[in-house]
């Protein structure tokens, strides 16, 4: 309980930083980092607050990446304790953001403090890339910071994203890649009319159904040793006036691909359009490219992470690429190795979000050991 990661996590959780608000979280982190010799750069884009902090001018550059924003609390009445009043109950720290991801942010800071205390003349550079827009539209956050860094040729060598990667116990899973995400917003046009006179109308729901059946049954690829097969899922369908006697004039659909490195977004777009055209549909479609797939295979970062987890926890970790997207998708295309390591994700985005106190202490230790493996004076 005396570990510095706990009071820092509580301080961060107490700030109601619902996307895109930061509520002073980054200033709190910056104050701690300035004392360690970091140069702090605030990057504000539209409604989003971002921080780029760096200690050192040489490579390699190890970067902690994360976000201070949290999702809305939902019905506060359903929480056992106020979501922004962090408390410890039976060994668990409760509060919105405890697991996603203010606990990780606190662990990053305390790990860095301990590492620099032991290694004041460490190799390379340590950096922090922190945003307040990861849970929201993600258009003015990490991606804008990366654009700025790329424009001045400032490169990240290794990035550790503090997303809650663990499943059953701390460190049992690390994410060494993520699937790509591609969304299609489809409008299929018909002719509105009376259901009693279908010959005078053209039902777009009937028209699109065979195409949807084909899309949902299609094998897009077989995946590979790192990625499961590409998945196509219909997320929303809306059509009709609400009346039982009216054939709708159009139907709107939203679908999403989570795709592997075995196929490109352009290939998916082409195959979808071919199917829609083959069914003779009158349609319009808009595509949203949410992120490219990325993979960090064998290399210094993954090796250092595996070794750190074994040393701190006593057991091996398993690299996986499952789950949703993360801001790692904006960092990986620059050529950086990217790993995600954070707390158990069982309560993220839920009522009564919490994280085990002991896990935050071990997470800080893991982060410090990763720094030691990569940047210590003896590394």
Protein backbone atom coordinates (compact mmCIF):
# COMPACT_ATOMS: atom_id res chain seq x y z
CA UNK A 1 0.00 0.00 0.00
CA UNK A 2 3.02 2.31 0.48
CA UNK A 3 4.06 2.06 -3.17
CA UNK A 4 3.88 5.51 -4.87
CA UNK A 5 1.88 4.14 -7.79
CA UNK A 6 -1.31 3.94 -5.68
CA UNK A 7 -1.67 7.59 -4.55
CA UNK A 8 -0.75 8.77 -8.05
CA UNK A 9 -3.39 6.51 -9.61
CA UNK A 10 -5.94 7.82 -7.12
CA UNK A 11 -5.05 11.42 -7.95
CA UNK A 12 -5.53 10.74 -11.67
CA UNK A 13 -8.80 8.85 -11.18
CA UNK A 14 -10.23 11.69 -9.09
CA UNK A 15 -10.13 13.95 -12.15
CA UNK A 16 -13.33 13.45 -14.24
CA UNK A 17 -11.58 13.44 -17.61
CA UNK A 18 -14.35 12.12 -19.86
CA UNK A 19 -13.31 12.35 -23.52
CA UNK A 20 -11.93 14.77 -24.67
CA UNK A 21 -11.38 16.44 -21.29
CA UNK A 22 -8.03 16.04 -19.58
CA UNK A 23 -8.88 17.86 -16.32
CA UNK A 24 -5.25 18.49 -15.42
CA UNK A 25 -4.07 14.87 -15.62
CA UNK A 26 -1.30 15.67 -18.08
CA UNK A 27 -0.17 18.68 -16.03
CA UNK A 28 0.10 16.40 -13.01
CA UNK A 29 2.21 13.92 -14.98
CA UNK A 30 4.31 16.70 -16.53
CA UNK A 31 5.16 18.09 -13.10
CA UNK A 32 6.57 14.71 -12.04
CA UNK A 33 8.47 14.31 -15.32
CA UNK A 34 9.97 17.80 -15.27
CA UNK A 35 11.66 16.94 -11.98
CA UNK A 36 13.36 14.04 -13.80
CA UNK A 37 14.74 16.27 -16.57
CA UNK A 38 12.06 15.74 -19.20
CA UNK A 39 11.30 18.46 -21.74
CA UNK A 40 7.52 18.90 -21.87
CA UNK A 41 5.69 19.86 -25.04
CA UNK A 42 1.93 20.44 -24.93
CA UNK A 43 0.17 19.90 -28.24
CA UNK A 44 -3.43 21.09 -28.29
CA UNK A 45 -5.43 20.26 -31.40
CA UNK A 46 -9.03 21.50 -31.44
CA UNK A 47 -10.65 20.11 -28.26
CA UNK A 48 -7.89 17.60 -27.48
CA UNK A 49 -4.95 18.01 -25.12
CA UNK A 50 -1.81 16.02 -25.90
CA UNK A 51 1.60 15.81 -24.26
CA UNK A 52 4.95 14.88 -25.74
CA UNK A 53 7.64 14.60 -23.08
CA UNK A 54 11.21 13.48 -23.69
CA UNK A 55 14.37 12.94 -21.66
CA UNK A 56 17.45 12.62 -23.82
CA UNK A 57 18.34 13.60 -27.37
CA UNK A 58 19.80 10.38 -28.73
CA UNK A 59 18.30 7.14 -29.93
CA UNK A 60 16.98 4.61 -29.33
CA UNK A 61 13.76 6.24 -28.12
CA UNK A 62 11.56 4.28 -25.73
CA UNK A 63 8.07 5.79 -25.54
CA UNK A 64 5.28 5.19 -23.04
CA UNK A 65 1.99 5.86 -24.85
CA UNK A 66 -1.42 6.27 -23.25
CA UNK A 67 -4.52 8.35 -22.68
CA UNK A 68 -5.92 10.39 -19.82
CA UNK A 69 -9.51 10.38 -21.09
CA UNK A 70 -12.09 7.88 -19.85
CA UNK A 71 -15.48 6.74 -21.06
CA UNK A 72 -18.65 8.13 -19.44
CA UNK A 73 -19.66 6.61 -16.11
CA UNK A 74 -23.18 5.54 -17.05
CA UNK A 75 -25.76 5.53 -14.28
CA UNK A 76 -23.86 6.73 -11.21
CA UNK A 77 -26.56 5.24 -8.98
CA UNK A 78 -25.39 1.76 -10.04
CA UNK A 79 -21.83 2.33 -8.78
CA UNK A 80 -20.94 0.95 -5.36
CA UNK A 81 -18.83 4.06 -4.81
CA UNK A 82 -18.67 7.41 -6.70
CA UNK A 83 -16.73 6.77 -9.94
CA UNK A 84 -14.38 9.73 -9.47
CA UNK A 85 -13.85 9.17 -5.75
CA UNK A 86 -11.20 6.42 -5.84
CA UNK A 87 -11.29 4.04 -2.91
CA UNK A 88 -9.61 0.73 -2.07
CA UNK A 89 -11.97 -2.12 -1.18
CA UNK A 90 -10.71 -5.63 -0.43
CA UNK A 91 -7.43 -5.01 -2.24
CA UNK A 92 -8.98 -3.41 -5.33
CA UNK A 93 -8.77 0.23 -6.37
CA UNK A 94 -12.20 1.34 -7.62
CA UNK A 95 -12.96 4.23 -9.96
CA UNK A 96 -13.51 5.15 -13.59
CA UNK A 97 -10.19 4.73 -15.38
CA UNK A 98 -8.63 2.48 -12.73
CA UNK A 99 -7.93 -0.20 -15.36
CA UNK A 100 -8.34 1.86 -18.54
CA UNK A 101 -5.93 3.42 -18.18
CA UNK A 102 -5.00 5.74 -15.34
CA UNK A 103 -3.52 2.86 -13.37
CA UNK A 104 -1.13 2.26 -16.26
CA UNK A 105 -0.25 5.96 -16.46
CA UNK A 106 0.63 6.00 -12.77
CA UNK A 107 2.74 2.86 -13.23
CA UNK A 108 4.58 4.48 -16.16
CA UNK A 109 5.49 7.52 -14.08
CA UNK A 110 6.61 5.62 -10.97
CA UNK A 111 8.56 3.10 -13.08
CA UNK A 112 10.36 5.93 -14.84
CA UNK A 113 11.16 7.66 -11.54
CA UNK A 114 12.68 4.49 -10.12
CA UNK A 115 14.57 3.66 -13.30
CA UNK A 116 16.14 7.12 -13.60
CA UNK A 117 17.08 7.05 -9.92
CA UNK A 118 19.03 3.86 -10.62
CA UNK A 119 20.21 4.91 -14.11
CA UNK A 120 20.65 8.69 -14.29
CA UNK A 121 22.88 8.29 -17.36
CA UNK A 122 20.72 5.75 -19.18
CA UNK A 123 21.14 5.02 -22.86
CA UNK A 124 19.00 6.68 -25.51
CA UNK A 125 15.85 8.61 -24.65
CA UNK A 126 12.64 8.03 -22.70
CA UNK A 127 9.45 9.67 -23.98
CA UNK A 128 5.78 9.95 -23.11
CA UNK A 129 3.04 10.38 -25.73
CA UNK A 130 -0.21 11.05 -23.87
CA UNK A 131 -3.59 12.11 -25.33
CA UNK A 132 -7.06 12.97 -24.07
CA UNK A 133 -8.80 11.59 -27.18
CA UNK A 134 -8.42 7.83 -27.35
CA UNK A 135 -11.88 6.79 -26.22
CA UNK A 136 -13.58 9.29 -28.56
CA UNK A 137 -13.22 10.23 -32.24
CA UNK A 138 -9.41 9.77 -32.06
CA UNK A 139 -8.80 12.41 -34.75
CA UNK A 140 -6.97 15.09 -32.76
CA UNK A 141 -4.98 12.85 -30.43
CA UNK A 142 -2.11 10.44 -30.98
CA UNK A 143 -2.42 10.55 -34.76
CA UNK A 144 -1.88 14.34 -34.78
CA UNK A 145 1.10 14.07 -32.45
CA UNK A 146 2.64 11.40 -34.67
CA UNK A 147 2.11 13.64 -37.71
CA UNK A 148 3.98 16.42 -35.88
CA UNK A 149 6.84 14.13 -34.89
CA UNK A 150 7.10 12.69 -38.38
CA UNK A 151 7.21 16.18 -39.91
CA UNK A 152 10.34 16.93 -37.90
CA UNK A 153 11.76 13.42 -38.35
CA UNK A 154 11.57 12.60 -34.64
CA UNK A 155 11.29 8.82 -34.50
CA UNK A 156 10.10 6.42 -31.81
CA UNK A 157 12.08 3.18 -31.68
CA UNK A 158 9.98 1.26 -29.14
CA UNK A 159 6.47 2.13 -27.91
CA UNK A 160 4.74 0.57 -24.93
CA UNK A 161 1.00 1.30 -24.86
CA UNK A 162 -0.59 0.90 -21.43
CA UNK A 163 -3.89 -0.56 -22.61
CA UNK A 164 -5.35 -3.25 -20.30
CA UNK A 165 -4.04 -6.29 -22.15
CA UNK A 166 -4.19 -8.86 -19.36
CA UNK A 167 -7.02 -11.41 -19.23
CA UNK A 168 -6.92 -13.44 -16.01
CA UNK A 169 -3.81 -12.20 -14.24
CA UNK A 170 -1.35 -9.38 -14.78
CA UNK A 171 0.90 -9.97 -17.76
CA UNK A 172 -0.64 -13.23 -18.92
CA UNK A 173 -1.32 -11.56 -22.28
CA UNK A 174 0.51 -8.82 -24.15
CA UNK A 175 -0.68 -7.42 -27.45
CA UNK A 176 2.06 -7.48 -30.05
CA UNK A 177 -0.25 -6.38 -32.85
CA UNK A 178 -3.82 -5.49 -33.74
CA UNK A 179 -6.18 -6.21 -36.57
CA UNK A 180 -7.11 -3.49 -39.00
CA UNK A 181 -10.56 -1.91 -38.81
CA UNK A 182 -12.62 -0.81 -41.81
CA UNK A 183 -16.22 0.44 -41.58
CA UNK A 184 -18.71 0.69 -44.43
CA UNK A 185 -21.79 2.93 -44.31
CA UNK A 186 -24.13 1.64 -47.00
CA UNK A 187 -27.39 3.12 -48.28
CA UNK A 188 -29.43 0.92 -50.62
CA UNK A 189 -32.12 2.79 -52.53
CA UNK A 190 -35.58 1.56 -53.46
CA UNK A 191 -39.00 3.05 -54.14
CA UNK A 192 -41.34 3.77 -51.24
CA UNK A 193 -44.91 2.57 -51.59
CA UNK A 194 -47.93 0.87 -50.05
CA UNK A 195 -47.41 -2.72 -48.96
CA UNK A 196 -50.70 -3.64 -50.64
CA UNK A 197 -49.26 -2.51 -54.00
CA UNK A 198 -45.75 -3.95 -54.06
CA UNK A 199 -45.66 -3.82 -57.86
CA UNK A 200 -45.65 -0.03 -57.59
CA UNK A 201 -42.71 0.00 -55.16
CA UNK A 202 -39.22 -1.49 -54.86
CA UNK A 203 -38.32 -2.84 -51.41
CA UNK A 204 -34.61 -2.13 -50.74
CA UNK A 205 -34.54 -4.52 -47.77
CA UNK A 206 -35.58 -7.37 -50.03
CA UNK A 207 -33.05 -6.21 -52.62
CA UNK A 208 -30.07 -6.11 -50.29
CA UNK A 209 -30.78 -9.29 -48.33
CA UNK A 210 -29.14 -11.76 -50.79
CA UNK A 211 -26.05 -9.56 -50.93
CA UNK A 212 -25.86 -9.43 -47.13
CA UNK A 213 -26.17 -13.20 -46.97
CA UNK A 214 -23.25 -13.53 -49.38
CA UNK A 215 -21.14 -10.99 -47.50
CA UNK A 216 -21.79 -12.62 -44.13
CA UNK A 217 -20.83 -16.09 -45.42
CA UNK A 218 -17.76 -15.02 -47.37
CA UNK A 219 -14.32 -16.32 -46.42
CA UNK A 220 -12.16 -13.22 -46.72
CA UNK A 221 -8.92 -14.94 -45.71
CA UNK A 222 -7.72 -17.71 -43.42
CA UNK A 223 -5.62 -15.55 -41.12
CA UNK A 224 -2.08 -16.58 -40.23
CA UNK A 225 -0.02 -17.61 -37.20
CA UNK A 226 -0.48 -14.15 -35.66
CA UNK A 227 -3.99 -13.14 -36.77
CA UNK A 228 -7.39 -14.86 -36.82
CA UNK A 229 -9.32 -14.83 -40.11
CA UNK A 230 -10.80 -11.52 -41.20
CA UNK A 231 -14.25 -10.93 -39.72
CA UNK A 232 -17.21 -9.17 -41.38
CA UNK A 233 -19.98 -8.05 -39.04
CA UNK A 234 -23.16 -6.04 -39.63
CA UNK A 235 -23.48 -3.50 -36.82
CA UNK A 236 -26.65 -1.55 -37.69
CA UNK A 237 -29.62 -1.76 -40.06
CA UNK A 238 -32.21 1.00 -40.29
CA UNK A 239 -35.11 1.22 -42.71
CA UNK A 240 -38.79 1.99 -42.88
CA UNK A 241 -41.10 4.66 -41.49
CA UNK A 242 -42.26 2.71 -38.46
CA UNK A 243 -45.59 1.98 -40.11
CA UNK A 244 -46.62 -1.56 -41.03
CA UNK A 245 -48.17 -0.57 -44.35
CA UNK A 246 -45.28 1.31 -45.96
CA UNK A 247 -42.50 -0.20 -48.07
CA UNK A 248 -39.34 1.81 -47.25
CA UNK A 249 -37.63 4.00 -49.80
CA UNK A 250 -34.17 3.10 -48.62
CA UNK A 251 -32.29 1.07 -46.03
CA UNK A 252 -29.14 2.16 -44.23
CA UNK A 253 -26.54 -0.35 -43.05
CA UNK A 254 -23.28 -0.14 -41.14
CA UNK A 255 -20.80 -2.99 -41.21
CA UNK A 256 -17.23 -3.49 -40.03
CA UNK A 257 -14.23 -5.56 -41.01
CA UNK A 258 -11.60 -6.57 -38.47
CA UNK A 259 -8.95 -7.74 -40.87
CA UNK A 260 -5.60 -9.47 -40.79
CA UNK A 261 -2.38 -8.76 -42.63
CA UNK A 262 -3.43 -11.35 -45.22
CA UNK A 263 -5.66 -8.80 -46.97
CA UNK A 264 -5.59 -5.03 -47.54
CA UNK A 265 -8.37 -2.53 -46.99
CA UNK A 266 -8.42 -1.78 -50.71
CA UNK A 267 -8.90 -5.46 -51.50
CA UNK A 268 -11.84 -5.66 -49.08
CA UNK A 269 -13.44 -2.57 -50.61
CA UNK A 270 -13.09 -4.00 -54.12
CA UNK A 271 -14.63 -7.35 -53.16
CA UNK A 272 -17.58 -5.72 -51.40
CA UNK A 273 -18.30 -3.45 -54.34
CA UNK A 274 -18.13 -6.42 -56.73
CA UNK A 275 -20.76 -8.26 -54.66
CA UNK A 276 -23.06 -5.25 -54.41
CA UNK A 277 -22.77 -4.63 -58.16
CA UNK A 278 -23.37 -8.29 -58.97
CA UNK A 279 -26.74 -8.06 -57.17
CA UNK A 280 -27.76 -5.05 -59.24
CA UNK A 281 -28.26 -2.73 -56.28
CA UNK A 282 -28.80 1.01 -56.46
CA UNK A 283 -26.57 2.14 -53.61
CA UNK A 284 -24.18 4.66 -52.16
CA UNK A 285 -21.38 3.79 -49.76
CA UNK A 286 -18.94 5.66 -47.55
CA UNK A 287 -15.83 4.03 -46.13
CA UNK A 288 -14.13 4.83 -42.81
CA UNK A 289 -10.54 3.60 -42.46
CA UNK A 290 -10.20 3.21 -38.69
CA UNK A 291 -6.72 1.72 -38.65
CA UNK A 292 -4.26 -0.56 -40.39
CA UNK A 293 -3.21 -3.91 -38.94
CA UNK A 294 0.22 -4.00 -37.35
CA UNK A 295 2.50 -6.63 -35.87
CA UNK A 296 5.59 -6.54 -33.69
CA UNK A 297 7.18 -9.94 -34.10
CA UNK A 298 10.55 -10.96 -32.69
CA UNK A 299 12.70 -8.06 -31.62
CA UNK A 300 14.20 -6.16 -28.67
CA UNK A 301 10.90 -4.77 -27.34
CA UNK A 302 8.99 -8.04 -27.30
CA UNK A 303 12.00 -9.86 -25.85
CA UNK A 304 12.47 -7.23 -23.12
CA UNK A 305 8.77 -7.37 -22.25
CA UNK A 306 8.69 -11.15 -22.00
CA UNK A 307 11.79 -11.20 -19.81
CA UNK A 308 10.39 -8.48 -17.54
CA UNK A 309 7.08 -10.25 -16.99
CA UNK A 310 8.80 -13.50 -16.09
CA UNK A 311 11.13 -11.76 -13.65
CA UNK A 312 8.34 -9.82 -11.90
CA UNK A 313 5.50 -12.36 -11.97
CA UNK A 314 7.25 -15.71 -12.30
CA UNK A 315 5.26 -16.84 -15.34
CA UNK A 316 5.43 -16.56 -19.11
CA UNK A 317 3.30 -14.17 -21.14
CA UNK A 318 1.47 -14.94 -24.39
CA UNK A 319 1.58 -12.45 -27.28
CA UNK A 320 -1.79 -11.99 -28.99
CA UNK A 321 -3.32 -9.73 -31.66
CA UNK A 322 -6.99 -10.15 -30.71
CA UNK A 323 -9.32 -7.47 -29.42
CA UNK A 324 -10.15 -3.99 -30.63
CA UNK A 325 -7.95 -1.21 -31.92
CA UNK A 326 -5.61 1.00 -29.91
CA UNK A 327 -3.51 4.07 -30.55
CA UNK A 328 -0.67 1.70 -31.36
CA UNK A 329 -2.11 1.69 -34.88
CA UNK A 330 -0.92 5.30 -35.33
CA UNK A 331 2.57 4.64 -34.00
CA UNK A 332 3.42 1.35 -35.73
CA UNK A 333 3.34 2.72 -39.33
CA UNK A 334 6.31 4.97 -38.47
CA UNK A 335 8.46 1.85 -38.13
CA UNK A 336 8.33 1.61 -34.35
CA UNK A 337 8.04 -1.68 -32.50
CA UNK A 338 4.80 -1.55 -30.48
CA UNK A 339 3.66 -3.61 -27.47
CA UNK A 340 0.58 -3.23 -25.28
CA UNK A 341 0.88 -4.21 -21.62
CA UNK A 342 -1.55 -3.21 -18.90
CA UNK A 343 -3.88 -4.47 -16.16
CA UNK A 344 -6.61 -7.11 -16.31
CA UNK A 345 -9.39 -5.89 -18.61
CA UNK A 346 -12.38 -7.60 -16.94
CA UNK A 347 -14.01 -4.36 -15.72
CA UNK A 348 -13.00 -1.80 -18.35
CA UNK A 349 -15.84 0.46 -19.55
CA UNK A 350 -18.12 -1.17 -16.96
CA UNK A 351 -19.95 0.00 -13.87
CA UNK A 352 -17.64 -0.37 -10.81
CA UNK A 353 -14.43 -0.45 -12.81
CA UNK A 354 -11.55 -1.58 -10.61
CA UNK A 355 -8.02 -2.92 -10.60
CA UNK A 356 -6.11 -5.02 -8.09
CA UNK A 357 -3.74 -2.86 -6.05
CA UNK A 358 -1.03 -5.51 -6.15
CA UNK A 359 -1.31 -5.62 -9.94
CA UNK A 360 -0.53 -1.90 -10.24
CA UNK A 361 2.56 -2.37 -8.10
CA UNK A 362 3.68 -5.30 -10.25
CA UNK A 363 2.87 -3.35 -13.42
CA UNK A 364 5.14 -0.52 -12.30
CA UNK A 365 7.84 -3.11 -11.60
CA UNK A 366 7.33 -4.64 -15.07
CA UNK A 367 7.63 -1.26 -16.76
CA UNK A 368 10.79 -0.47 -14.80
CA UNK A 369 12.31 -3.83 -15.73
CA UNK A 370 11.53 -3.26 -19.42
CA UNK A 371 13.33 0.08 -19.24
CA UNK A 372 16.23 -1.65 -17.50
CA UNK A 373 16.40 -4.36 -20.15
CA UNK A 374 16.52 -1.82 -22.97
CA UNK A 375 18.12 1.38 -21.70
CA UNK A 376 20.06 0.75 -18.51
CA UNK A 377 23.69 1.81 -18.39
CA UNK A 378 24.67 -1.87 -18.51
CA UNK A 379 22.15 -2.96 -21.20
